[in-house]
Amino acid sequence: STQGVSSAASDVYKRQTYEGIENSFEIPDCPINVLFKDPVNYIPVENGESFEQLFARTGEFLEQAVRPQLEDGKDVLIVGHGAMNSSIVCQIKNEPLENFWKAGIKNCKLMKLI
C-alpha cells in the first residue's frame, strides 16, 4: 500500500522505477527496501544486479586488477559507490551477506583493508 505517501513517490513506485528513488522507506512495501534492510532475502528487480553478480564482478576486479598491483608492492586506492565498496570489504574481510551494509565504508571516508 502507498497510503500516506506523496503522489510523486507513489507514481514512481507504481512504475517500479527504483533507481534514484527518494524516501523509499516511506513506502512500506517498496521492494527496494529489502536491499537495504534484509540483503540476504533481496531479489533483484528486472535487469537489476543480484548480490551474487555483484560479488562476482567485484571479485574479478580484485583478482585481475588489484591483486597483481599488491603483489608488485604497490599501494592501491579504490574509489567507488556504496554497494561496490561494501562488496569489496565483505570479500576481503570474509563478512557474510547479513553484514553487507555494516561492513561498508561510510560516505567520504577512507578504509585501509590490506
Protein backbone atom coordinates (compact mmCIF):
# COMPACT_ATOMS: atom_id res chain seq x y z
CA SER A 1 0.00 0.00 0.00
CA THR A 2 1.16 3.53 -0.72
CA GLN A 3 -1.30 5.28 1.60
CA GLY A 4 0.19 8.42 3.16
CA VAL A 5 2.97 8.65 0.59
CA SER A 6 3.38 11.65 -1.66
CA SER A 7 1.81 11.21 -5.10
CA ALA A 8 5.22 11.59 -6.77
CA ALA A 9 6.71 8.78 -4.68
CA SER A 10 3.62 6.67 -5.29
CA ASP A 11 3.85 7.22 -9.06
CA VAL A 12 7.49 6.17 -9.05
CA TYR A 13 6.64 3.07 -7.04
CA LYS A 14 3.80 2.13 -9.41
CA ARG A 15 6.15 2.37 -12.41
CA GLN A 16 8.59 0.17 -10.50
CA THR A 17 11.44 2.56 -11.22
CA TYR A 18 13.78 2.20 -8.27
CA GLU A 19 16.98 3.82 -9.49
CA GLY A 20 17.30 7.07 -7.61
CA ILE A 21 14.01 6.72 -5.74
CA GLU A 22 13.88 9.07 -2.79
CA ASN A 23 12.42 8.17 0.60
CA SER A 24 11.72 4.55 -0.31
CA PHE A 25 11.38 3.70 3.37
CA GLU A 26 8.21 5.81 3.40
CA ILE A 27 6.71 3.22 1.04
CA PRO A 28 6.42 0.17 3.34
CA ASP A 29 6.06 -2.46 0.59
CA CYS A 30 8.58 -0.95 -1.82
CA PRO A 31 10.69 -3.94 -2.93
CA ILE A 32 13.93 -1.94 -2.96
CA ASN A 33 13.79 -1.66 0.85
CA VAL A 34 14.77 -5.32 1.16
CA LEU A 35 18.10 -4.46 -0.48
CA PHE A 36 18.98 -2.25 2.47
CA LYS A 37 17.11 -3.86 5.37
CA ASP A 38 17.46 -7.56 4.57
CA PRO A 39 20.10 -8.14 1.88
CA VAL A 40 20.03 -11.92 2.34
CA ASN A 41 16.44 -12.01 1.05
CA TYR A 42 16.89 -9.41 -1.68
CA ILE A 43 15.59 -10.46 -5.10
CA PRO A 44 16.69 -8.02 -7.80
CA VAL A 45 14.12 -6.30 -9.95
CA GLU A 46 14.10 -6.99 -13.67
CA ASN A 47 17.53 -6.16 -15.12
CA GLY A 48 18.82 -5.50 -11.59
CA GLU A 49 22.09 -6.92 -10.32
CA SER A 50 21.94 -9.68 -7.70
CA PHE A 51 24.38 -9.84 -4.82
CA GLU A 52 25.87 -12.95 -6.44
CA GLN A 53 26.53 -10.97 -9.64
CA LEU A 54 27.90 -8.00 -7.68
CA PHE A 55 30.29 -10.23 -5.72
CA ALA A 56 31.40 -11.98 -8.92
CA ARG A 57 32.06 -8.64 -10.63
CA THR A 58 33.97 -7.11 -7.75
CA GLY A 59 35.77 -10.38 -7.02
CA GLU A 60 37.03 -10.46 -10.60
CA PHE A 61 38.17 -6.85 -10.23
CA LEU A 62 40.07 -7.72 -7.05
CA GLU A 63 41.77 -10.72 -8.65
CA GLN A 64 42.61 -9.20 -12.03
CA ALA A 65 43.30 -5.56 -11.22
CA VAL A 66 44.11 -5.21 -7.53
CA ARG A 67 45.99 -8.38 -6.54
CA PRO A 68 48.72 -8.02 -9.21
CA GLN A 69 49.40 -4.45 -8.05
CA LEU A 70 49.66 -5.54 -4.43
CA GLU A 71 51.95 -8.41 -5.39
CA ASP A 72 54.20 -5.84 -7.08
CA GLY A 73 54.41 -3.98 -3.77
CA LYS A 74 52.20 -1.12 -4.88
CA ASP A 75 49.53 0.65 -2.88
CA VAL A 76 46.04 0.63 -4.38
CA LEU A 77 43.28 3.18 -3.85
CA ILE A 78 39.79 2.07 -4.86
CA VAL A 79 37.05 4.67 -5.21
CA GLY A 80 33.51 3.51 -5.77
CA HIS A 81 29.89 3.62 -4.70
CA GLY A 82 28.33 2.07 -1.60
CA ALA A 83 27.32 -1.36 -2.89
CA MET A 84 30.57 -1.92 -4.73
CA ASN A 85 32.60 -0.82 -1.72
CA SER A 86 30.59 -3.00 0.66
CA SER A 87 31.06 -5.97 -1.65
CA ILE A 88 34.82 -5.50 -1.70
CA VAL A 89 35.01 -5.06 2.07
CA CYS A 90 32.89 -8.17 2.65
CA GLN A 91 35.10 -10.24 0.37
CA ILE A 92 38.39 -9.07 1.87
CA LYS A 93 37.16 -9.39 5.48
CA ASN A 94 35.14 -12.57 4.82
CA GLU A 95 31.97 -10.92 6.11
CA PRO A 96 28.64 -12.66 5.49
CA LEU A 97 25.93 -11.03 3.39
CA GLU A 98 24.00 -10.29 6.58
CA ASN A 99 26.68 -7.68 7.37
CA PHE A 100 26.77 -6.24 3.85
CA TRP A 101 25.83 -2.65 4.73
CA LYS A 102 27.51 -2.70 8.17
CA ALA A 103 30.82 -3.79 6.66
CA GLY A 104 30.97 -0.98 4.11
CA ILE A 105 32.67 2.37 4.15
CA LYS A 106 30.93 5.47 5.43
CA ASN A 107 30.47 8.25 2.88
CA CYS A 108 33.61 10.30 2.19
CA LYS A 109 35.80 8.11 4.43
CA LEU A 110 38.90 6.05 3.76
CA MET A 111 39.37 2.49 4.94
CA LYS A 112 42.61 0.54 4.89
CA LEU A 113 41.85 -3.08 4.09
CA ILE A 114 45.18 -4.73 3.34
